Amino acid sequence: MDLKNSSVLITGGTGSFGRRFLKTLLDSQEPARVVVFSRDEHKHHELETSLDPEQRSRVRFFIGDVRDRDRLLTAMQGIDYVVHAAALKHVPLAEYNPFECIQTNVIGAENVAQAAILAGVKKVVALSTDKAANPINLYGASKLASDKIFIAANNVAGSADTRFSVVRYGNVVNSRGSVVPFFRKLIEDGADHLPITDERMTRFLITLEQGVEFVLSSMASMQGGEIFVPKIPSARITDLARAIAPDLEQRVVGIRPGEKLHEVMISSDDSRSTVETDGHYVIEPSFVFWARTRDPVAGSAPVTEGFTYTSDGNAHFLSEAEIRDIIKSV
């Protein structure tokens, strides 16, 4: 996606993904302006001071919450493209504070969609999660609702030029709150073992850089209404622990409430509307009430009915050595 001389807004722009997406834009895309939209003033300040003067001249720091549609509308004036990364993601906290999760992840999604249409944004890409497929916790259910809102926003936009799509992927290696920094912190604190929830557990893994590049490529090819799912490797949680601390004991502590044994990114029910390319899958929209060409994605083919894309059924599993190399690279 060529964003040279374009104006881009990133909700949740001070988070792990937002910071890396901003860096990629400033290093390689030459945007005219990037609006970082976030409610955390301290992170705004940290991000601003980390930029050199030339980079800083192209960035605008908007303090705001996706719960506030008017603030979003102000921030989106003159914006060409929006990447929606803001979300409440902590599973137990979402269960304890359910409507706070709904306010940000569901109502916030609706606010972003409405503001984008009113501001005449060209394209919006919303970040989703594997937990939105067959959700078993409120966070996953809220992100499923968010996905549905952004797909349906194409109907609301109608003949307007604004188009919406979703990108769904799994665990980001070394992101805040993920298992890698958790294990590292335990090791730094002198732990004599690493806690393993279940020895059978598997997870999809993706790096921040891969996530950013996938968002950019999806934005370039989207017509509107798609859910883009990258083909990424899986890892066994036991192999991940050994890659980080090969000599440390592993102790099974039991699966946590709201946690899945294996991740799902495409369910069997979605298979009837899913096509496959060399590098990714695309779940096409089931309900289309807007002008949209129905030509297949270039180079794609339908998956077989009943197909699922799960972390335990993945054709590509990382070895301990590969996991170690990935962790070192990030």
C-alpha atoms as a PDB file:
ATOM      1  CA  MET A   1       0.000   0.000   0.000  1.00  0.00           C
ATOM      2  CA  ASP A   2       1.502   3.318  -1.052  1.00  0.00           C
ATOM      3  CA  LEU A   3       0.546   5.957   1.521  1.00  0.00           C
ATOM      4  CA  LYS A   4       2.897   8.661   0.261  1.00  0.00           C
ATOM      5  CA  ASN A   5       1.383  12.125   0.804  1.00  0.00           C
ATOM      6  CA  SER A   6      -1.694  10.563   2.449  1.00  0.00           C
ATOM      7  CA  SER A   7      -3.151  11.365   5.864  1.00  0.00           C
ATOM      8  CA  VAL A   8      -3.512   8.387   8.212  1.00  0.00           C
ATOM      9  CA  LEU A   9      -5.160   8.043  11.630  1.00  0.00           C
ATOM     10  CA  ILE A  10      -4.330   5.239  14.076  1.00  0.00           C
ATOM     11  CA  THR A  11      -6.696   4.633  16.988  1.00  0.00           C
ATOM     12  CA  GLY A  12      -4.858   3.117  19.938  1.00  0.00           C
ATOM     13  CA  GLY A  13      -1.817   4.675  18.303  1.00  0.00           C
ATOM     14  CA  THR A  14       0.352   4.607  21.427  1.00  0.00           C
ATOM     15  CA  GLY A  15       0.011   0.825  21.874  1.00  0.00           C
ATOM     16  CA  SER A  16       2.432  -1.853  20.656  1.00  0.00           C
ATOM     17  CA  PHE A  17       0.909  -2.121  17.187  1.00  0.00           C
ATOM     18  CA  GLY A  18       0.284   1.605  16.821  1.00  0.00           C
ATOM     19  CA  ARG A  19       3.878   2.521  17.607  1.00  0.00           C
ATOM     20  CA  ARG A  20       5.270  -0.010  15.131  1.00  0.00           C
ATOM     21  CA  PHE A  21       2.763   1.010  12.443  1.00  0.00           C
ATOM     22  CA  LEU A  22       3.734   4.657  12.938  1.00  0.00           C
ATOM     23  CA  LYS A  23       7.435   3.797  12.676  1.00  0.00           C
ATOM     24  CA  THR A  24       6.834   1.892   9.436  1.00  0.00           C
ATOM     25  CA  LEU A  25       4.866   4.785   7.945  1.00  0.00           C
ATOM     26  CA  LEU A  26       7.514   7.351   8.859  1.00  0.00           C
ATOM     27  CA  ASP A  27      10.437   5.180   7.739  1.00  0.00           C
ATOM     28  CA  SER A  28       9.095   3.987   4.395  1.00  0.00           C
ATOM     29  CA  GLN A  29       5.802   5.580   3.357  1.00  0.00           C
ATOM     30  CA  GLU A  30       6.339   9.366   3.496  1.00  0.00           C
ATOM     31  CA  PRO A  31       2.819  10.221   4.672  1.00  0.00           C
ATOM     32  CA  ALA A  32       1.754  13.850   4.701  1.00  0.00           C
ATOM     33  CA  ARG A  33       0.332  13.482   8.202  1.00  0.00           C
ATOM     34  CA  VAL A  34      -0.228  10.757  10.791  1.00  0.00           C
ATOM     35  CA  VAL A  35      -2.722  11.289  13.602  1.00  0.00           C
ATOM     36  CA  VAL A  36      -2.015   9.216  16.711  1.00  0.00           C
ATOM     37  CA  PHE A  37      -5.323   8.884  18.561  1.00  0.00           C
ATOM     38  CA  SER A  38      -5.115   7.603  22.142  1.00  0.00           C
ATOM     39  CA  ARG A  39      -6.451   8.426  25.594  1.00  0.00           C
ATOM     40  CA  ASP A  40      -3.100   7.940  27.389  1.00  0.00           C
ATOM     41  CA  GLU A  41      -1.315  11.299  27.680  1.00  0.00           C
ATOM     42  CA  HIS A  42       1.829   9.773  29.203  1.00  0.00           C
ATOM     43  CA  LYS A  43       2.273   7.398  26.273  1.00  0.00           C
ATOM     44  CA  HIS A  44       1.645  10.298  23.886  1.00  0.00           C
ATOM     45  CA  HIS A  45       4.482  12.189  25.555  1.00  0.00           C
ATOM     46  CA  GLU A  46       6.817   9.173  25.468  1.00  0.00           C
ATOM     47  CA  LEU A  47       6.100   8.580  21.794  1.00  0.00           C
ATOM     48  CA  GLU A  48       6.492  12.225  20.848  1.00  0.00           C
ATOM     49  CA  THR A  49       9.873  12.536  22.576  1.00  0.00           C
ATOM     50  CA  SER A  50      11.115   9.352  20.864  1.00  0.00           C
ATOM     51  CA  LEU A  51      10.740  10.908  17.388  1.00  0.00           C
ATOM     52  CA  ASP A  52      13.311  13.048  15.653  1.00  0.00           C
ATOM     53  CA  PRO A  53      12.239  16.608  14.660  1.00  0.00           C
ATOM     54  CA  GLU A  54      11.542  15.740  11.017  1.00  0.00           C
ATOM     55  CA  GLN A  55       9.336  12.795  11.978  1.00  0.00           C
ATOM     56  CA  ARG A  56       7.592  14.784  14.690  1.00  0.00           C
ATOM     57  CA  SER A  57       6.618  17.458  12.151  1.00  0.00           C
ATOM     58  CA  ARG A  58       4.387  14.931  10.366  1.00  0.00           C
ATOM     59  CA  VAL A  59       2.677  13.503  13.465  1.00  0.00           C
ATOM     60  CA  ARG A  60      -0.303  14.912  15.346  1.00  0.00           C
ATOM     61  CA  PHE A  61      -1.017  13.662  18.871  1.00  0.00           C
ATOM     62  CA  PHE A  62      -4.752  13.561  19.573  1.00  0.00           C
ATOM     63  CA  ILE A  63      -5.798  12.758  23.123  1.00  0.00           C
ATOM     64  CA  GLY A  64      -9.180  11.120  22.791  1.00  0.00           C
ATOM     65  CA  ASP A  65     -11.263   8.035  23.457  1.00  0.00           C
ATOM     66  CA  VAL A  66     -13.061   5.955  20.831  1.00  0.00           C
ATOM     67  CA  ARG A  67     -16.103   6.203  23.120  1.00  0.00           C
ATOM     68  CA  ASP A  68     -16.322   9.876  22.070  1.00  0.00           C
ATOM     69  CA  ARG A  69     -17.623  10.083  18.493  1.00  0.00           C
ATOM     70  CA  ASP A  70     -17.337  13.880  18.315  1.00  0.00           C
ATOM     71  CA  ARG A  71     -13.649  13.737  19.201  1.00  0.00           C
ATOM     72  CA  LEU A  72     -13.118  11.024  16.593  1.00  0.00           C
ATOM     73  CA  LEU A  73     -14.895  13.128  13.982  1.00  0.00           C
ATOM     74  CA  THR A  74     -12.647  16.085  14.779  1.00  0.00           C
ATOM     75  CA  ALA A  75      -9.537  13.913  14.521  1.00  0.00           C
ATOM     76  CA  MET A  76     -10.644  12.423  11.177  1.00  0.00           C
ATOM     77  CA  GLN A  77     -11.021  15.702   9.306  1.00  0.00           C
ATOM     78  CA  GLY A  78      -8.904  15.437   6.155  1.00  0.00           C
ATOM     79  CA  ILE A  79      -7.945  11.822   6.901  1.00  0.00           C
ATOM     80  CA  ASP A  80      -7.619   9.358   4.008  1.00  0.00           C
ATOM     81  CA  TYR A  81      -7.058   6.089   5.850  1.00  0.00           C
ATOM     82  CA  VAL A  82      -7.853   4.801   9.347  1.00  0.00           C
ATOM     83  CA  VAL A  83      -6.343   1.838  11.179  1.00  0.00           C
ATOM     84  CA  HIS A  84      -8.441   0.946  14.215  1.00  0.00           C
ATOM     85  CA  ALA A  85      -6.246  -0.713  16.849  1.00  0.00           C
ATOM     86  CA  ALA A  86      -7.840   0.622  20.066  1.00  0.00           C
ATOM     87  CA  ALA A  87      -9.395  -2.056  22.291  1.00  0.00           C
ATOM     88  CA  LEU A  88      -9.729  -3.355  25.818  1.00  0.00           C
ATOM     89  CA  LYS A  89      -7.983  -6.745  25.579  1.00  0.00           C
ATOM     90  CA  HIS A  90      -7.508  -8.145  29.094  1.00  0.00           C
ATOM     91  CA  VAL A  91      -9.766 -11.210  29.349  1.00  0.00           C
ATOM     92  CA  PRO A  92     -10.329 -11.391  33.155  1.00  0.00           C
ATOM     93  CA  LEU A  93     -10.747  -7.615  33.472  1.00  0.00           C
ATOM     94  CA  ALA A  94     -13.315  -7.652  30.669  1.00  0.00           C
ATOM     95  CA  GLU A  95     -15.263 -10.346  32.518  1.00  0.00           C
ATOM     96  CA  TYR A  96     -15.213  -8.285  35.727  1.00  0.00           C
ATOM     97  CA  ASN A  97     -16.018  -5.005  33.954  1.00  0.00           C
ATOM     98  CA  PRO A  98     -18.212  -6.202  31.079  1.00  0.00           C
ATOM     99  CA  PHE A  99     -19.856  -2.975  30.012  1.00  0.00           C
ATOM    100  CA  GLU A 100     -16.544  -1.101  30.054  1.00  0.00           C
ATOM    101  CA  CYS A 101     -15.343  -3.663  27.501  1.00  0.00           C
ATOM    102  CA  ILE A 102     -18.538  -3.167  25.474  1.00  0.00           C
ATOM    103  CA  GLN A 103     -18.192   0.635  25.634  1.00  0.00           C
ATOM    104  CA  THR A 104     -14.743   0.541  24.039  1.00  0.00           C
ATOM    105  CA  ASN A 105     -14.800  -2.534  21.812  1.00  0.00           C
ATOM    106  CA  VAL A 106     -18.387  -2.377  20.509  1.00  0.00           C
ATOM    107  CA  ILE A 107     -19.709   1.164  20.919  1.00  0.00           C
ATOM    108  CA  GLY A 108     -16.229   2.463  20.146  1.00  0.00           C
ATOM    109  CA  ALA A 109     -16.223   0.475  16.899  1.00  0.00           C
ATOM    110  CA  GLU A 110     -19.574   1.986  15.912  1.00  0.00           C
ATOM    111  CA  ASN A 111     -18.227   5.463  16.701  1.00  0.00           C
ATOM    112  CA  VAL A 112     -15.151   4.898  14.525  1.00  0.00           C
ATOM    113  CA  ALA A 113     -17.307   3.649  11.648  1.00  0.00           C
ATOM    114  CA  GLN A 114     -19.780   6.539  11.845  1.00  0.00           C
ATOM    115  CA  ALA A 115     -17.045   9.165  12.164  1.00  0.00           C
ATOM    116  CA  ALA A 116     -15.189   7.703   9.164  1.00  0.00           C
ATOM    117  CA  ILE A 117     -18.281   7.897   6.964  1.00  0.00           C
ATOM    118  CA  LEU A 118     -19.100  11.435   8.073  1.00  0.00           C
ATOM    119  CA  ALA A 119     -15.489  12.561   7.514  1.00  0.00           C
ATOM    120  CA  GLY A 120     -15.266  10.948   4.055  1.00  0.00           C
ATOM    121  CA  VAL A 121     -12.382   8.599   4.905  1.00  0.00           C
ATOM    122  CA  LYS A 122     -11.421   6.349   1.993  1.00  0.00           C
ATOM    123  CA  LYS A 123     -10.564   3.099   3.782  1.00  0.00           C
ATOM    124  CA  VAL A 124     -10.759   1.758   7.335  1.00  0.00           C
ATOM    125  CA  VAL A 125      -8.981  -1.401   8.488  1.00  0.00           C
ATOM    126  CA  ALA A 126      -9.982  -2.707  11.920  1.00  0.00           C
ATOM    127  CA  LEU A 127      -7.752  -5.072  13.874  1.00  0.00           C
ATOM    128  CA  SER A 128      -9.460  -8.181  15.194  1.00  0.00           C
ATOM    129  CA  THR A 129      -8.276 -11.252  17.118  1.00  0.00           C
ATOM    130  CA  ASP A 130      -8.441 -15.022  16.938  1.00  0.00           C
ATOM    131  CA  LYS A 131     -10.627 -14.823  20.055  1.00  0.00           C
ATOM    132  CA  ALA A 132     -13.438 -13.384  17.882  1.00  0.00           C
ATOM    133  CA  ALA A 133     -13.847 -16.747  16.132  1.00  0.00           C
ATOM    134  CA  ASN A 134     -16.123 -19.016  18.191  1.00  0.00           C
ATOM    135  CA  PRO A 135     -15.696 -16.741  21.238  1.00  0.00           C
ATOM    136  CA  ILE A 136     -15.845 -18.162  24.765  1.00  0.00           C
ATOM    137  CA  ASN A 137     -15.116 -14.939  26.688  1.00  0.00           C
ATOM    138  CA  LEU A 138     -16.530 -11.416  26.618  1.00  0.00           C
ATOM    139  CA  TYR A 139     -13.440  -9.936  24.997  1.00  0.00           C
ATOM    140  CA  GLY A 140     -13.776 -12.351  22.075  1.00  0.00           C
ATOM    141  CA  ALA A 141     -17.527 -11.743  21.848  1.00  0.00           C
ATOM    142  CA  SER A 142     -17.005  -7.972  21.858  1.00  0.00           C
ATOM    143  CA  LYS A 143     -14.464  -8.242  19.040  1.00  0.00           C
ATOM    144  CA  LEU A 144     -16.829 -10.457  17.052  1.00  0.00           C
ATOM    145  CA  ALA A 145     -19.463  -7.730  17.432  1.00  0.00           C
ATOM    146  CA  SER A 146     -16.856  -5.156  16.394  1.00  0.00           C
ATOM    147  CA  ASP A 147     -16.014  -7.178  13.273  1.00  0.00           C
ATOM    148  CA  LYS A 148     -19.705  -7.359  12.353  1.00  0.00           C
ATOM    149  CA  ILE A 149     -20.066  -3.578  12.862  1.00  0.00           C
ATOM    150  CA  PHE A 150     -17.197  -2.792  10.501  1.00  0.00           C
ATOM    151  CA  ILE A 151     -18.401  -5.220   7.831  1.00  0.00           C
ATOM    152  CA  ALA A 152     -21.944  -3.794   8.049  1.00  0.00           C
ATOM    153  CA  ALA A 153     -20.559  -0.240   7.924  1.00  0.00           C
ATOM    154  CA  ASN A 154     -20.097  -0.797   4.184  1.00  0.00           C
ATOM    155  CA  ASN A 155     -23.900  -1.054   3.939  1.00  0.00           C
ATOM    156  CA  VAL A 156     -24.307   2.141   5.960  1.00  0.00           C
ATOM    157  CA  ALA A 157     -21.811   3.958   3.710  1.00  0.00           C
ATOM    158  CA  GLY A 158     -23.797   2.804   0.668  1.00  0.00           C
ATOM    159  CA  SER A 159     -22.778   4.794  -2.380  1.00  0.00           C
ATOM    160  CA  ALA A 160     -20.222   6.807  -0.405  1.00  0.00           C
ATOM    161  CA  ASP A 161     -16.570   6.064  -1.027  1.00  0.00           C
ATOM    162  CA  THR A 162     -15.712   4.881   2.500  1.00  0.00           C
ATOM    163  CA  ARG A 163     -14.929   1.159   2.706  1.00  0.00           C
ATOM    164  CA  PHE A 164     -14.265  -1.050   5.731  1.00  0.00           C
ATOM    165  CA  SER A 165     -12.419  -4.346   6.196  1.00  0.00           C
ATOM    166  CA  VAL A 166     -11.023  -6.377   9.093  1.00  0.00           C
ATOM    167  CA  VAL A 167      -7.653  -8.014   9.733  1.00  0.00           C
ATOM    168  CA  ARG A 168      -7.617 -10.984  12.116  1.00  0.00           C
ATOM    169  CA  TYR A 169      -4.476 -12.598  13.504  1.00  0.00           C
ATOM    170  CA  GLY A 170      -3.133 -14.363  16.598  1.00  0.00           C
ATOM    171  CA  ASN A 171      -0.621 -13.663  19.353  1.00  0.00           C
ATOM    172  CA  VAL A 172       1.962 -10.969  18.683  1.00  0.00           C
ATOM    173  CA  VAL A 173       5.407 -12.068  19.854  1.00  0.00           C
ATOM    174  CA  ASN A 174       6.738  -9.959  22.727  1.00  0.00           C
ATOM    175  CA  SER A 175       3.783  -7.545  22.770  1.00  0.00           C
ATOM    176  CA  ARG A 176       2.671  -6.105  26.095  1.00  0.00           C
ATOM    177  CA  GLY A 177       0.780  -8.673  28.172  1.00  0.00           C
ATOM    178  CA  SER A 178       1.827 -11.647  26.021  1.00  0.00           C
ATOM    179  CA  VAL A 179       3.496 -14.813  27.289  1.00  0.00           C
ATOM    180  CA  VAL A 180       7.084 -14.020  26.190  1.00  0.00           C
ATOM    181  CA  PRO A 181       7.570 -10.917  28.407  1.00  0.00           C
ATOM    182  CA  PHE A 182       5.661 -12.742  31.165  1.00  0.00           C
ATOM    183  CA  PHE A 183       8.100 -15.658  31.081  1.00  0.00           C
ATOM    184  CA  ARG A 184      11.083 -13.295  30.827  1.00  0.00           C
ATOM    185  CA  LYS A 185       9.934 -11.367  33.892  1.00  0.00           C
ATOM    186  CA  LEU A 186       9.645 -14.591  35.881  1.00  0.00           C
ATOM    187  CA  ILE A 187      13.165 -15.561  34.846  1.00  0.00           C
ATOM    188  CA  GLU A 188      14.550 -12.124  35.777  1.00  0.00           C
ATOM    189  CA  ASP A 189      12.884 -12.442  39.187  1.00  0.00           C
ATOM    190  CA  GLY A 190      14.653 -15.757  39.801  1.00  0.00           C
ATOM    191  CA  ALA A 191      11.783 -18.203  39.226  1.00  0.00           C
ATOM    192  CA  ASP A 192      12.699 -21.870  39.565  1.00  0.00           C
ATOM    193  CA  HIS A 193      10.042 -22.966  37.035  1.00  0.00           C
ATOM    194  CA  LEU A 194       7.738 -21.654  34.314  1.00  0.00           C
ATOM    195  CA  PRO A 195       3.961 -22.137  34.720  1.00  0.00           C
ATOM    196  CA  ILE A 196       2.305 -24.004  31.824  1.00  0.00           C
ATOM    197  CA  THR A 197      -1.481 -23.928  31.681  1.00  0.00           C
ATOM    198  CA  ASP A 198      -1.757 -27.139  29.637  1.00  0.00           C
ATOM    199  CA  GLU A 199       0.931 -29.161  27.891  1.00  0.00           C
ATOM    200  CA  ARG A 200      -1.313 -29.594  24.830  1.00  0.00           C
ATOM    201  CA  MET A 201      -1.842 -25.859  24.326  1.00  0.00           C
ATOM    202  CA  THR A 202      -0.948 -24.310  20.951  1.00  0.00           C
ATOM    203  CA  ARG A 203      -0.937 -20.725  19.710  1.00  0.00           C
ATOM    204  CA  PHE A 204      -0.557 -18.845  16.429  1.00  0.00           C
ATOM    205  CA  LEU A 205       2.463 -16.522  16.472  1.00  0.00           C
ATOM    206  CA  ILE A 206       3.113 -13.358  14.469  1.00  0.00           C
ATOM    207  CA  THR A 207       5.642 -10.549  14.893  1.00  0.00           C
ATOM    208  CA  LEU A 208       4.636  -6.903  15.072  1.00  0.00           C
ATOM    209  CA  GLU A 209       6.458  -6.236  11.814  1.00  0.00           C
ATOM    210  CA  GLN A 210       4.527  -9.025  10.070  1.00  0.00           C
ATOM    211  CA  GLY A 211       1.271  -7.665  11.494  1.00  0.00           C
ATOM    212  CA  VAL A 212       1.994  -4.178  10.194  1.00  0.00           C
ATOM    213  CA  GLU A 213       2.922  -5.423   6.726  1.00  0.00           C
ATOM    214  CA  PHE A 214      -0.209  -7.575   6.587  1.00  0.00           C
ATOM    215  CA  VAL A 215      -2.410  -4.607   7.469  1.00  0.00           C
ATOM    216  CA  LEU A 216      -0.785  -2.557   4.709  1.00  0.00           C
ATOM    217  CA  SER A 217      -1.179  -5.312   2.097  1.00  0.00           C
ATOM    218  CA  SER A 218      -4.799  -5.928   3.138  1.00  0.00           C
ATOM    219  CA  MET A 219      -5.561  -2.220   2.876  1.00  0.00           C
ATOM    220  CA  ALA A 220      -4.155  -2.203  -0.648  1.00  0.00           C
ATOM    221  CA  SER A 221      -6.282  -5.123  -1.891  1.00  0.00           C
ATOM    222  CA  MET A 222      -9.536  -4.616   0.045  1.00  0.00           C
ATOM    223  CA  GLN A 223     -12.847  -3.923  -1.707  1.00  0.00           C
ATOM    224  CA  GLY A 224     -14.697  -3.670   1.592  1.00  0.00           C
ATOM    225  CA  GLY A 225     -16.313  -6.295   3.803  1.00  0.00           C
ATOM    226  CA  GLU A 226     -13.464  -8.801   3.909  1.00  0.00           C
ATOM    227  CA  ILE A 227     -11.866 -10.386   6.964  1.00  0.00           C
ATOM    228  CA  PHE A 228      -8.222 -10.982   6.081  1.00  0.00           C
ATOM    229  CA  VAL A 229      -6.443 -13.829   7.909  1.00  0.00           C
ATOM    230  CA  PRO A 230      -2.696 -14.364   7.394  1.00  0.00           C
ATOM    231  CA  LYS A 231      -1.081 -17.769   7.105  1.00  0.00           C
ATOM    232  CA  ILE A 232       1.200 -17.775  10.129  1.00  0.00           C
ATOM    233  CA  PRO A 233       2.948 -20.553  12.075  1.00  0.00           C
ATOM    234  CA  SER A 234       1.840 -22.203  15.283  1.00  0.00           C
ATOM    235  CA  ALA A 235       3.853 -23.037  18.379  1.00  0.00           C
ATOM    236  CA  ARG A 236       3.352 -25.408  21.273  1.00  0.00           C
ATOM    237  CA  ILE A 237       3.429 -23.607  24.600  1.00  0.00           C
ATOM    238  CA  THR A 238       5.917 -26.170  25.931  1.00  0.00           C
ATOM    239  CA  ASP A 239       8.286 -25.490  23.010  1.00  0.00           C
ATOM    240  CA  LEU A 240       7.923 -21.750  23.585  1.00  0.00           C
ATOM    241  CA  ALA A 241       8.874 -22.148  27.257  1.00  0.00           C
ATOM    242  CA  ARG A 242      11.881 -24.321  26.375  1.00  0.00           C
ATOM    243  CA  ALA A 243      13.008 -21.833  23.724  1.00  0.00           C
ATOM    244  CA  ILE A 244      13.101 -19.106  26.367  1.00  0.00           C
ATOM    245  CA  ALA A 245      14.491 -21.191  29.259  1.00  0.00           C
ATOM    246  CA  PRO A 246      15.665 -24.635  28.088  1.00  0.00           C
ATOM    247  CA  ASP A 247      16.930 -25.678  31.529  1.00  0.00           C
ATOM    248  CA  LEU A 248      14.002 -24.441  33.605  1.00  0.00           C
ATOM    249  CA  GLU A 249      11.344 -26.819  34.919  1.00  0.00           C
ATOM    250  CA  GLN A 250       7.814 -26.516  33.535  1.00  0.00           C
ATOM    251  CA  ARG A 251       4.871 -26.984  35.912  1.00  0.00           C
ATOM    252  CA  VAL A 252       1.298 -27.447  34.721  1.00  0.00           C
ATOM    253  CA  VAL A 253      -1.014 -25.016  36.562  1.00  0.00           C
ATOM    254  CA  GLY A 254      -4.267 -25.619  34.675  1.00  0.00           C
ATOM    255  CA  ILE A 255      -6.096 -23.716  31.963  1.00  0.00           C
ATOM    256  CA  ARG A 256      -7.460 -20.340  33.041  1.00  0.00           C
ATOM    257  CA  PRO A 257     -11.120 -19.287  32.839  1.00  0.00           C
ATOM    258  CA  GLY A 258     -11.982 -17.885  29.402  1.00  0.00           C
ATOM    259  CA  GLU A 259      -8.909 -19.444  27.796  1.00  0.00           C
ATOM    260  CA  LYS A 260      -8.930 -21.843  24.847  1.00  0.00           C
ATOM    261  CA  LEU A 261      -6.711 -24.882  24.462  1.00  0.00           C
ATOM    262  CA  HIS A 262      -6.206 -24.063  20.789  1.00  0.00           C
ATOM    263  CA  GLU A 263      -6.908 -20.929  18.770  1.00  0.00           C
ATOM    264  CA  VAL A 264      -9.374 -20.643  15.900  1.00  0.00           C
ATOM    265  CA  MET A 265      -9.103 -18.028  13.169  1.00  0.00           C
ATOM    266  CA  ILE A 266     -11.525 -19.534  10.639  1.00  0.00           C
ATOM    267  CA  SER A 267     -14.413 -21.707  11.791  1.00  0.00           C
ATOM    268  CA  SER A 268     -16.025 -24.451   9.713  1.00  0.00           C
ATOM    269  CA  ASP A 269     -19.163 -22.313   9.323  1.00  0.00           C
ATOM    270  CA  ASP A 270     -17.043 -19.566   7.720  1.00  0.00           C
ATOM    271  CA  SER A 271     -15.515 -22.003   5.238  1.00  0.00           C
ATOM    272  CA  ARG A 272     -18.373 -21.537   2.763  1.00  0.00           C
ATOM    273  CA  SER A 273     -17.386 -17.902   2.269  1.00  0.00           C
ATOM    274  CA  THR A 274     -13.597 -18.266   2.566  1.00  0.00           C
ATOM    275  CA  VAL A 275     -11.040 -18.168  -0.236  1.00  0.00           C
ATOM    276  CA  GLU A 276      -7.339 -18.970  -0.045  1.00  0.00           C
ATOM    277  CA  THR A 277      -4.260 -17.361  -1.598  1.00  0.00           C
ATOM    278  CA  ASP A 278      -0.595 -18.281  -1.236  1.00  0.00           C
ATOM    279  CA  GLY A 279      -0.120 -16.029   1.785  1.00  0.00           C
ATOM    280  CA  HIS A 280      -3.516 -15.588   3.416  1.00  0.00           C
ATOM    281  CA  TYR A 281      -7.208 -16.398   3.630  1.00  0.00           C
ATOM    282  CA  VAL A 282     -10.103 -14.024   2.999  1.00  0.00           C
ATOM    283  CA  ILE A 283     -13.515 -14.460   4.619  1.00  0.00           C
ATOM    284  CA  GLU A 284     -15.881 -12.732   2.204  1.00  0.00           C
ATOM    285  CA  PRO A 285     -18.956 -10.905   3.551  1.00  0.00           C
ATOM    286  CA  SER A 286     -22.183 -12.922   3.724  1.00  0.00           C
ATOM    287  CA  PHE A 287     -24.518  -9.944   3.347  1.00  0.00           C
ATOM    288  CA  VAL A 288     -23.672  -7.381   0.671  1.00  0.00           C
ATOM    289  CA  PHE A 289     -26.002  -4.415   0.169  1.00  0.00           C
ATOM    290  CA  TRP A 290     -23.469  -2.063  -1.392  1.00  0.00           C
ATOM    291  CA  ALA A 291     -21.816  -1.823  -4.798  1.00  0.00           C
ATOM    292  CA  ARG A 292     -19.061  -4.423  -4.780  1.00  0.00           C
ATOM    293  CA  THR A 293     -17.529  -6.491  -7.533  1.00  0.00           C
ATOM    294  CA  ARG A 294     -17.930 -10.194  -6.884  1.00  0.00           C
ATOM    295  CA  ASP A 295     -14.800 -11.203  -8.766  1.00  0.00           C
ATOM    296  CA  PRO A 296     -12.655 -13.619  -6.750  1.00  0.00           C
ATOM    297  CA  VAL A 297      -9.574 -12.276  -5.012  1.00  0.00           C
ATOM    298  CA  ALA A 298      -6.701 -12.443  -7.512  1.00  0.00           C
ATOM    299  CA  GLY A 299      -5.000 -15.822  -7.404  1.00  0.00           C
ATOM    300  CA  SER A 300      -7.476 -17.245  -4.880  1.00  0.00           C
ATOM    301  CA  ALA A 301      -9.509 -20.431  -4.686  1.00  0.00           C
ATOM    302  CA  PRO A 302     -12.384 -21.424  -2.382  1.00  0.00           C
ATOM    303  CA  VAL A 303     -11.460 -23.621   0.581  1.00  0.00           C
ATOM    304  CA  THR A 304     -13.251 -26.922   1.012  1.00  0.00           C
ATOM    305  CA  GLU A 305     -16.527 -26.863   2.938  1.00  0.00           C
ATOM    306  CA  GLY A 306     -15.910 -27.650   6.589  1.00  0.00           C
ATOM    307  CA  PHE A 307     -12.363 -26.250   6.447  1.00  0.00           C
ATOM    308  CA  THR A 308     -11.039 -24.794   9.697  1.00  0.00           C
ATOM    309  CA  TYR A 309      -7.898 -22.803  10.433  1.00  0.00           C
ATOM    310  CA  THR A 310      -6.784 -23.659  13.948  1.00  0.00           C
ATOM    311  CA  SER A 311      -3.494 -23.473  15.801  1.00  0.00           C
ATOM    312  CA  ASP A 312      -3.419 -27.225  16.488  1.00  0.00           C
ATOM    313  CA  GLY A 313      -4.336 -28.168  12.901  1.00  0.00           C
ATOM    314  CA  ASN A 314      -1.808 -25.824  11.300  1.00  0.00           C
ATOM    315  CA  ALA A 315       0.540 -27.247   8.681  1.00  0.00           C
ATOM    316  CA  HIS A 316       3.395 -25.048   9.934  1.00  0.00           C
ATOM    317  CA  PHE A 317       4.677 -25.571  13.483  1.00  0.00           C
ATOM    318  CA  LEU A 318       7.750 -23.728  14.744  1.00  0.00           C
ATOM    319  CA  SER A 319      10.662 -25.658  16.223  1.00  0.00           C
ATOM    320  CA  GLU A 320      12.325 -24.517  19.447  1.00  0.00           C
ATOM    321  CA  ALA A 321      15.232 -23.116  17.419  1.00  0.00           C
ATOM    322  CA  GLU A 322      12.867 -21.156  15.151  1.00  0.00           C
ATOM    323  CA  ILE A 323      10.988 -19.763  18.142  1.00  0.00           C
ATOM    324  CA  ARG A 324      14.282 -18.719  19.718  1.00  0.00           C
ATOM    325  CA  ASP A 325      15.344 -16.931  16.517  1.00  0.00           C
ATOM    326  CA  ILE A 326      12.011 -15.082  16.318  1.00  0.00           C
ATOM    327  CA  ILE A 327      12.219 -13.963  19.944  1.00  0.00           C
ATOM    328  CA  LYS A 328      15.775 -12.702  19.430  1.00  0.00           C
ATOM    329  CA  SER A 329      14.721 -10.782  16.313  1.00  0.00           C
ATOM    330  CA  VAL A 330      12.080  -8.788  18.196  1.00  0.00           C
END
